[in-house]
Amino acid sequence: MDAAFIKAFGAVIKKQRERYLLTQQQLADRARIHRTYISDIERGSRNVSINSIKRIADALGTPVSLLFAEAETGLVALKKD
C-alpha cells in the first residue's frame, strides 16, 4: 500500500473515533490493541494488518468496507487538490 492511502486510512479511523466521542485509549481497549498502535494508525505511520483493521471496525461498529471506501474517497480528493 502506498503512503498516501495509509495516511487517508488513518484519517478515516480518527474521524470515526471522534464521531463516536471515543478517546484513543477507549478505542484501543475495545479493539484489544495498544493505544500507541491506534495513534500510529491515525498519523499514517503504521501499515496496519487486516486483523487489526477488522478489530478496529468492530470496535467502531463500522463495516471494514466503509472504512476503505472513505479512505479511497479521501485519497481521490487529495489527488484533485
PDB file of N, CA and C in Angstrom:
ATOM      1  N   MET A   1       0.839  -1.182   0.000  1.00  0.00           N
ATOM      2  CA  MET A   1       0.000   0.000   0.000  1.00  0.00           C
ATOM      3  C   MET A   1       0.877   1.235   0.000  1.00  0.00           C
ATOM      4  N   ASP A   2       0.412   2.261  -0.660  1.00  0.00           N
ATOM      5  CA  ASP A   2       1.227   3.467  -0.692  1.00  0.00           C
ATOM      6  C   ASP A   2       0.977   4.346   0.525  1.00  0.00           C
ATOM      7  N   ALA A   3       1.927   5.223   0.777  1.00  0.00           N
ATOM      8  CA  ALA A   3       1.887   6.075   1.970  1.00  0.00           C
ATOM      9  C   ALA A   3       0.664   6.979   1.991  1.00  0.00           C
ATOM     10  N   ALA A   4       0.239   7.464   0.843  1.00  0.00           N
ATOM     11  CA  ALA A   4      -0.921   8.363   0.796  1.00  0.00           C
ATOM     12  C   ALA A   4      -2.188   7.635   1.253  1.00  0.00           C
ATOM     13  N   PHE A   5      -2.347   6.384   0.827  1.00  0.00           N
ATOM     14  CA  PHE A   5      -3.536   5.631   1.249  1.00  0.00           C
ATOM     15  C   PHE A   5      -3.480   5.335   2.742  1.00  0.00           C
ATOM     16  N   ILE A   6      -2.307   4.999   3.237  1.00  0.00           N
ATOM     17  CA  ILE A   6      -2.158   4.714   4.669  1.00  0.00           C
ATOM     18  C   ILE A   6      -2.532   5.945   5.486  1.00  0.00           C
ATOM     19  N   LYS A   7      -2.113   7.130   5.036  1.00  0.00           N
ATOM     20  CA  LYS A   7      -2.481   8.368   5.728  1.00  0.00           C
ATOM     21  C   LYS A   7      -3.982   8.619   5.642  1.00  0.00           C
ATOM     22  N   ALA A   8      -4.564   8.402   4.465  1.00  0.00           N
ATOM     23  CA  ALA A   8      -6.009   8.601   4.291  1.00  0.00           C
ATOM     24  C   ALA A   8      -6.787   7.631   5.171  1.00  0.00           C
ATOM     25  N   PHE A   9      -6.324   6.389   5.263  1.00  0.00           N
ATOM     26  CA  PHE A   9      -6.996   5.401   6.106  1.00  0.00           C
ATOM     27  C   PHE A   9      -6.916   5.818   7.574  1.00  0.00           C
ATOM     28  N   GLY A  10      -5.766   6.288   7.997  1.00  0.00           N
ATOM     29  CA  GLY A  10      -5.610   6.753   9.375  1.00  0.00           C
ATOM     30  C   GLY A  10      -6.533   7.908   9.695  1.00  0.00           C
ATOM     31  N   ALA A  11      -6.702   8.810   8.736  1.00  0.00           N
ATOM     32  CA  ALA A  11      -7.605   9.947   8.935  1.00  0.00           C
ATOM     33  C   ALA A  11      -9.046   9.477   9.101  1.00  0.00           C
ATOM     34  N   VAL A  12      -9.417   8.436   8.381  1.00  0.00           N
ATOM     35  CA  VAL A  12     -10.773   7.879   8.498  1.00  0.00           C
ATOM     36  C   VAL A  12     -10.973   7.265   9.885  1.00  0.00           C
ATOM     37  N   ILE A  13      -9.986   6.539  10.364  1.00  0.00           N
ATOM     38  CA  ILE A  13     -10.091   5.946  11.697  1.00  0.00           C
ATOM     39  C   ILE A  13     -10.263   7.042  12.743  1.00  0.00           C
ATOM     40  N   LYS A  14      -9.464   8.087  12.631  1.00  0.00           N
ATOM     41  CA  LYS A  14      -9.559   9.190  13.588  1.00  0.00           C
ATOM     42  C   LYS A  14     -10.935   9.858  13.516  1.00  0.00           C
ATOM     43  N   LYS A  15     -11.408  10.100  12.301  1.00  0.00           N
ATOM     44  CA  LYS A  15     -12.720  10.735  12.128  1.00  0.00           C
ATOM     45  C   LYS A  15     -13.827   9.883  12.739  1.00  0.00           C
ATOM     46  N   GLN A  16     -13.786   8.588  12.489  1.00  0.00           N
ATOM     47  CA  GLN A  16     -14.804   7.688  13.040  1.00  0.00           C
ATOM     48  C   GLN A  16     -14.718   7.637  14.568  1.00  0.00           C
ATOM     49  N   ARG A  17     -13.504   7.580  15.082  1.00  0.00           N
ATOM     50  CA  ARG A  17     -13.325   7.541  16.537  1.00  0.00           C
ATOM     51  C   ARG A  17     -13.893   8.800  17.173  1.00  0.00           C
ATOM     52  N   GLU A  18     -13.576   9.952  16.601  1.00  0.00           N
ATOM     53  CA  GLU A  18     -14.075  11.211  17.144  1.00  0.00           C
ATOM     54  C   GLU A  18     -15.584  11.330  16.974  1.00  0.00           C
ATOM     55  N   ARG A  19     -16.114  10.766  15.918  1.00  0.00           N
ATOM     56  CA  ARG A  19     -17.567  10.784  15.690  1.00  0.00           C
ATOM     57  C   ARG A  19     -18.301  10.123  16.850  1.00  0.00           C
ATOM     58  N   TYR A  20     -17.712   9.069  17.379  1.00  0.00           N
ATOM     59  CA  TYR A  20     -18.322   8.348  18.499  1.00  0.00           C
ATOM     60  C   TYR A  20     -17.809   8.837  19.850  1.00  0.00           C
ATOM     61  N   LEU A  21     -17.095   9.958  19.831  1.00  0.00           N
ATOM     62  CA  LEU A  21     -16.591  10.593  21.054  1.00  0.00           C
ATOM     63  C   LEU A  21     -15.729   9.647  21.887  1.00  0.00           C
ATOM     64  N   LEU A  22     -14.909   8.871  21.207  1.00  0.00           N
ATOM     65  CA  LEU A  22     -14.016   7.941  21.877  1.00  0.00           C
ATOM     66  C   LEU A  22     -12.604   8.513  21.941  1.00  0.00           C
ATOM     67  N   THR A  23     -11.925   8.252  23.024  1.00  0.00           N
ATOM     68  CA  THR A  23     -10.508   8.570  23.095  1.00  0.00           C
ATOM     69  C   THR A  23      -9.746   7.447  22.389  1.00  0.00           C
ATOM     70  N   GLN A  24      -8.474   7.692  22.110  1.00  0.00           N
ATOM     71  CA  GLN A  24      -7.655   6.625  21.533  1.00  0.00           C
ATOM     72  C   GLN A  24      -7.606   5.426  22.484  1.00  0.00           C
ATOM     73  N   GLN A  25      -7.521   5.699  23.767  1.00  0.00           N
ATOM     74  CA  GLN A  25      -7.461   4.611  24.751  1.00  0.00           C
ATOM     75  C   GLN A  25      -8.739   3.788  24.746  1.00  0.00           C
ATOM     76  N   GLN A  26      -9.893   4.451  24.661  1.00  0.00           N
ATOM     77  CA  GLN A  26     -11.167   3.724  24.637  1.00  0.00           C
ATOM     78  C   GLN A  26     -11.271   2.845  23.395  1.00  0.00           C
ATOM     79  N   LEU A  27     -10.873   3.388  22.243  1.00  0.00           N
ATOM     80  CA  LEU A  27     -10.904   2.588  21.018  1.00  0.00           C
ATOM     81  C   LEU A  27      -9.928   1.424  21.135  1.00  0.00           C
ATOM     82  N   ALA A  28      -8.751   1.695  21.644  1.00  0.00           N
ATOM     83  CA  ALA A  28      -7.750   0.641  21.810  1.00  0.00           C
ATOM     84  C   ALA A  28      -8.273  -0.471  22.715  1.00  0.00           C
ATOM     85  N   ASP A  29      -8.906  -0.095  23.809  1.00  0.00           N
ATOM     86  CA  ASP A  29      -9.463  -1.090  24.730  1.00  0.00           C
ATOM     87  C   ASP A  29     -10.541  -1.931  24.042  1.00  0.00           C
ATOM     88  N   ARG A  30     -11.420  -1.278  23.313  1.00  0.00           N
ATOM     89  CA  ARG A  30     -12.496  -2.001  22.620  1.00  0.00           C
ATOM     90  C   ARG A  30     -11.944  -2.934  21.551  1.00  0.00           C
ATOM     91  N   ALA A  31     -10.882  -2.496  20.874  1.00  0.00           N
ATOM     92  CA  ALA A  31     -10.310  -3.280  19.776  1.00  0.00           C
ATOM     93  C   ALA A  31      -9.234  -4.260  20.257  1.00  0.00           C
ATOM     94  N   ARG A  32      -8.891  -4.185  21.553  1.00  0.00           N
ATOM     95  CA  ARG A  32      -7.834  -5.016  22.126  1.00  0.00           C
ATOM     96  C   ARG A  32      -6.511  -4.804  21.390  1.00  0.00           C
ATOM     97  N   ILE A  33      -6.205  -3.513  21.215  1.00  0.00           N
ATOM     98  CA  ILE A  33      -4.975  -3.066  20.555  1.00  0.00           C
ATOM     99  C   ILE A  33      -4.356  -1.999  21.450  1.00  0.00           C
ATOM    100  N   HIS A  34      -3.046  -1.899  21.439  1.00  0.00           N
ATOM    101  CA  HIS A  34      -2.377  -0.895  22.273  1.00  0.00           C
ATOM    102  C   HIS A  34      -2.697   0.520  21.768  1.00  0.00           C
ATOM    103  N   ARG A  35      -2.829   1.465  22.701  1.00  0.00           N
ATOM    104  CA  ARG A  35      -3.167   2.839  22.348  1.00  0.00           C
ATOM    105  C   ARG A  35      -2.155   3.466  21.388  1.00  0.00           C
ATOM    106  N   THR A  36      -0.879   3.182  21.573  1.00  0.00           N
ATOM    107  CA  THR A  36       0.119   3.777  20.674  1.00  0.00           C
ATOM    108  C   THR A  36      -0.021   3.248  19.249  1.00  0.00           C
ATOM    109  N   TYR A  37      -0.529   2.031  19.118  1.00  0.00           N
ATOM    110  CA  TYR A  37      -0.784   1.470  17.788  1.00  0.00           C
ATOM    111  C   TYR A  37      -1.898   2.259  17.101  1.00  0.00           C
ATOM    112  N   ILE A  38      -2.943   2.583  17.852  1.00  0.00           N
ATOM    113  CA  ILE A  38      -4.032   3.414  17.316  1.00  0.00           C
ATOM    114  C   ILE A  38      -3.478   4.774  16.905  1.00  0.00           C
ATOM    115  N   SER A  39      -2.657   5.364  17.741  1.00  0.00           N
ATOM    116  CA  SER A  39      -2.055   6.656  17.430  1.00  0.00           C
ATOM    117  C   SER A  39      -1.234   6.586  16.144  1.00  0.00           C
ATOM    118  N   ASP A  40      -0.430   5.539  16.011  1.00  0.00           N
ATOM    119  CA  ASP A  40       0.383   5.365  14.800  1.00  0.00           C
ATOM    120  C   ASP A  40      -0.500   5.218  13.560  1.00  0.00           C
ATOM    121  N   ILE A  41      -1.591   4.484  13.685  1.00  0.00           N
ATOM    122  CA  ILE A  41      -2.515   4.306  12.561  1.00  0.00           C
ATOM    123  C   ILE A  41      -3.109   5.654  12.161  1.00  0.00           C
ATOM    124  N   GLU A  42      -3.589   6.398  13.138  1.00  0.00           N
ATOM    125  CA  GLU A  42      -4.228   7.682  12.851  1.00  0.00           C
ATOM    126  C   GLU A  42      -3.255   8.681  12.217  1.00  0.00           C
ATOM    127  N   ARG A  43      -1.997   8.609  12.569  1.00  0.00           N
ATOM    128  CA  ARG A  43      -0.988   9.503  11.987  1.00  0.00           C
ATOM    129  C   ARG A  43      -0.515   9.024  10.618  1.00  0.00           C
ATOM    130  N   GLY A  44      -0.889   7.800  10.266  1.00  0.00           N
ATOM    131  CA  GLY A  44      -0.469   7.253   8.981  1.00  0.00           C
ATOM    132  C   GLY A  44       0.946   6.733   8.994  1.00  0.00           C
ATOM    133  N   SER A  45       1.460   6.442  10.170  1.00  0.00           N
ATOM    134  CA  SER A  45       2.835   5.951  10.254  1.00  0.00           C
ATOM    135  C   SER A  45       2.900   4.441  10.473  1.00  0.00           C
ATOM    136  N   ARG A  46       1.756   3.781  10.386  1.00  0.00           N
ATOM    137  CA  ARG A  46       1.718   2.338  10.610  1.00  0.00           C
ATOM    138  C   ARG A  46       0.930   1.683   9.479  1.00  0.00           C
ATOM    139  N   ASN A  47       1.525   0.687   8.846  1.00  0.00           N
ATOM    140  CA  ASN A  47       0.817  -0.107   7.843  1.00  0.00           C
ATOM    141  C   ASN A  47       0.087  -1.204   8.604  1.00  0.00           C
ATOM    142  N   VAL A  48      -1.172  -0.985   8.860  1.00  0.00           N
ATOM    143  CA  VAL A  48      -1.969  -1.819   9.764  1.00  0.00           C
ATOM    144  C   VAL A  48      -2.357  -3.147   9.112  1.00  0.00           C
ATOM    145  N   SER A  49      -2.388  -4.199   9.912  1.00  0.00           N
ATOM    146  CA  SER A  49      -2.752  -5.526   9.409  1.00  0.00           C
ATOM    147  C   SER A  49      -4.264  -5.627   9.229  1.00  0.00           C
ATOM    148  N   ILE A  50      -4.669  -6.568   8.405  1.00  0.00           N
ATOM    149  CA  ILE A  50      -6.097  -6.770   8.165  1.00  0.00           C
ATOM    150  C   ILE A  50      -6.799  -7.223   9.446  1.00  0.00           C
ATOM    151  N   ASN A  51      -6.116  -7.987  10.287  1.00  0.00           N
ATOM    152  CA  ASN A  51      -6.716  -8.400  11.558  1.00  0.00           C
ATOM    153  C   ASN A  51      -6.997  -7.195  12.440  1.00  0.00           C
ATOM    154  N   SER A  52      -6.064  -6.266  12.495  1.00  0.00           N
ATOM    155  CA  SER A  52      -6.255  -5.060  13.301  1.00  0.00           C
ATOM    156  C   SER A  52      -7.345  -4.176  12.707  1.00  0.00           C
ATOM    157  N   ILE A  53      -7.398  -4.103  11.397  1.00  0.00           N
ATOM    158  CA  ILE A  53      -8.449  -3.319  10.743  1.00  0.00           C
ATOM    159  C   ILE A  53      -9.817  -3.869  11.135  1.00  0.00           C
ATOM    160  N   LYS A  54      -9.963  -5.186  11.109  1.00  0.00           N
ATOM    161  CA  LYS A  54     -11.240  -5.812  11.469  1.00  0.00           C
ATOM    162  C   LYS A  54     -11.585  -5.543  12.928  1.00  0.00           C
ATOM    163  N   ARG A  55     -10.607  -5.611  13.810  1.00  0.00           N
ATOM    164  CA  ARG A  55     -10.856  -5.346  15.230  1.00  0.00           C
ATOM    165  C   ARG A  55     -11.287  -3.900  15.449  1.00  0.00           C
ATOM    166  N   ILE A  56     -10.643  -2.981  14.756  1.00  0.00           N
ATOM    167  CA  ILE A  56     -10.995  -1.565  14.883  1.00  0.00           C
ATOM    168  C   ILE A  56     -12.391  -1.317  14.330  1.00  0.00           C
ATOM    169  N   ALA A  57     -12.679  -1.880  13.164  1.00  0.00           N
ATOM    170  CA  ALA A  57     -14.012  -1.716  12.564  1.00  0.00           C
ATOM    171  C   ALA A  57     -15.091  -2.251  13.506  1.00  0.00           C
ATOM    172  N   ASP A  58     -14.856  -3.412  14.072  1.00  0.00           N
ATOM    173  CA  ASP A  58     -15.821  -3.986  15.013  1.00  0.00           C
ATOM    174  C   ASP A  58     -15.984  -3.095  16.236  1.00  0.00           C
ATOM    175  N   ALA A  59     -14.880  -2.563  16.739  1.00  0.00           N
ATOM    176  CA  ALA A  59     -14.925  -1.682  17.917  1.00  0.00           C
ATOM    177  C   ALA A  59     -15.708  -0.408  17.623  1.00  0.00           C
ATOM    178  N   LEU A  60     -15.658   0.037  16.375  1.00  0.00           N
ATOM    179  CA  LEU A  60     -16.390   1.240  15.964  1.00  0.00           C
ATOM    180  C   LEU A  60     -17.818   0.919  15.511  1.00  0.00           C
ATOM    181  N   GLY A  61     -18.124  -0.359  15.360  1.00  0.00           N
ATOM    182  CA  GLY A  61     -19.440  -0.748  14.853  1.00  0.00           C
ATOM    183  C   GLY A  61     -19.618  -0.336  13.403  1.00  0.00           C
ATOM    184  N   THR A  62     -18.532  -0.387  12.656  1.00  0.00           N
ATOM    185  CA  THR A  62     -18.497   0.085  11.279  1.00  0.00           C
ATOM    186  C   THR A  62     -17.981  -1.032  10.370  1.00  0.00           C
ATOM    187  N   PRO A  63     -18.588  -1.237   9.215  1.00  0.00           N
ATOM    188  CA  PRO A  63     -18.067  -2.254   8.302  1.00  0.00           C
ATOM    189  C   PRO A  63     -16.667  -1.877   7.785  1.00  0.00           C
ATOM    190  N   VAL A  64     -15.826  -2.866   7.632  1.00  0.00           N
ATOM    191  CA  VAL A  64     -14.487  -2.649   7.074  1.00  0.00           C
ATOM    192  C   VAL A  64     -14.595  -1.958   5.713  1.00  0.00           C
ATOM    193  N   SER A  65     -15.565  -2.383   4.929  1.00  0.00           N
ATOM    194  CA  SER A  65     -15.722  -1.827   3.581  1.00  0.00           C
ATOM    195  C   SER A  65     -15.958  -0.319   3.624  1.00  0.00           C
ATOM    196  N   LEU A  66     -16.682   0.161   4.629  1.00  0.00           N
ATOM    197  CA  LEU A  66     -16.930   1.595   4.756  1.00  0.00           C
ATOM    198  C   LEU A  66     -15.635   2.341   5.055  1.00  0.00           C
ATOM    199  N   LEU A  67     -14.802   1.773   5.922  1.00  0.00           N
ATOM    200  CA  LEU A  67     -13.529   2.421   6.248  1.00  0.00           C
ATOM    201  C   LEU A  67     -12.663   2.555   5.000  1.00  0.00           C
ATOM    202  N   PHE A  68     -12.592   1.478   4.207  1.00  0.00           N
ATOM    203  CA  PHE A  68     -11.797   1.537   2.981  1.00  0.00           C
ATOM    204  C   PHE A  68     -12.405   2.494   1.961  1.00  0.00           C
ATOM    205  N   ALA A  69     -13.725   2.471   1.829  1.00  0.00           N
ATOM    206  CA  ALA A  69     -14.378   3.368   0.865  1.00  0.00           C
ATOM    207  C   ALA A  69     -14.124   4.828   1.220  1.00  0.00           C
ATOM    208  N   GLU A  70     -14.220   5.164   2.505  1.00  0.00           N
ATOM    209  CA  GLU A  70     -13.968   6.544   2.922  1.00  0.00           C
ATOM    210  C   GLU A  70     -12.512   6.921   2.701  1.00  0.00           C
ATOM    211  N   ALA A  71     -11.602   5.987   2.933  1.00  0.00           N
ATOM    212  CA  ALA A  71     -10.180   6.269   2.697  1.00  0.00           C
ATOM    213  C   ALA A  71      -9.920   6.508   1.212  1.00  0.00           C
ATOM    214  N   GLU A  72     -10.527   5.709   0.360  1.00  0.00           N
ATOM    215  CA  GLU A  72     -10.365   5.889  -1.081  1.00  0.00           C
ATOM    216  C   GLU A  72     -10.945   7.216  -1.535  1.00  0.00           C
ATOM    217  N   THR A  73     -12.101   7.586  -1.001  1.00  0.00           N
ATOM    218  CA  THR A  73     -12.717   8.866  -1.333  1.00  0.00           C
ATOM    219  C   THR A  73     -11.812  10.016  -0.901  1.00  0.00           C
ATOM    220  N   GLY A  74     -11.260   9.920   0.298  1.00  0.00           N
ATOM    221  CA  GLY A  74     -10.347  10.952   0.783  1.00  0.00           C
ATOM    222  C   GLY A  74      -9.092  11.030  -0.034  1.00  0.00           C
ATOM    223  N   LEU A  75      -8.600   9.899  -0.499  1.00  0.00           N
ATOM    224  CA  LEU A  75      -7.399   9.864  -1.327  1.00  0.00           C
ATOM    225  C   LEU A  75      -7.654  10.534  -2.667  1.00  0.00           C
ATOM    226  N   VAL A  76      -8.810  10.271  -3.261  1.00  0.00           N
ATOM    227  CA  VAL A  76      -9.163  10.889  -4.545  1.00  0.00           C
ATOM    228  C   VAL A  76      -9.259  12.405  -4.366  1.00  0.00           C
ATOM    229  N   ALA A  77      -9.853  12.844  -3.276  1.00  0.00           N
ATOM    230  CA  ALA A  77      -9.973  14.282  -3.012  1.00  0.00           C
ATOM    231  C   ALA A  77      -8.600  14.924  -2.863  1.00  0.00           C
ATOM    232  N   LEU A  78      -7.683  14.237  -2.211  1.00  0.00           N
ATOM    233  CA  LEU A  78      -6.329  14.770  -2.054  1.00  0.00           C
ATOM    234  C   LEU A  78      -5.608  14.901  -3.384  1.00  0.00           C
ATOM    235  N   LYS A  79      -5.813  13.917  -4.257  1.00  0.00           N
ATOM    236  CA  LYS A  79      -5.146  13.930  -5.563  1.00  0.00           C
ATOM    237  C   LYS A  79      -5.690  15.050  -6.461  1.00  0.00           C
ATOM    238  N   LYS A  80      -6.938  15.451  -6.248  1.00  0.00           N
ATOM    239  CA  LYS A  80      -7.543  16.527  -7.044  1.00  0.00           C
ATOM    240  C   LYS A  80      -6.985  17.887  -6.664  1.00  0.00           C
ATOM    241  N   ASP A  81      -6.539  18.009  -5.405  1.00  0.00           N
ATOM    242  CA  ASP A  81      -6.033  19.308  -4.907  1.00  0.00           C
ATOM    243  C   ASP A  81      -4.683  19.636  -5.454  1.00  0.00           C
TER     244      ASP A  81
END
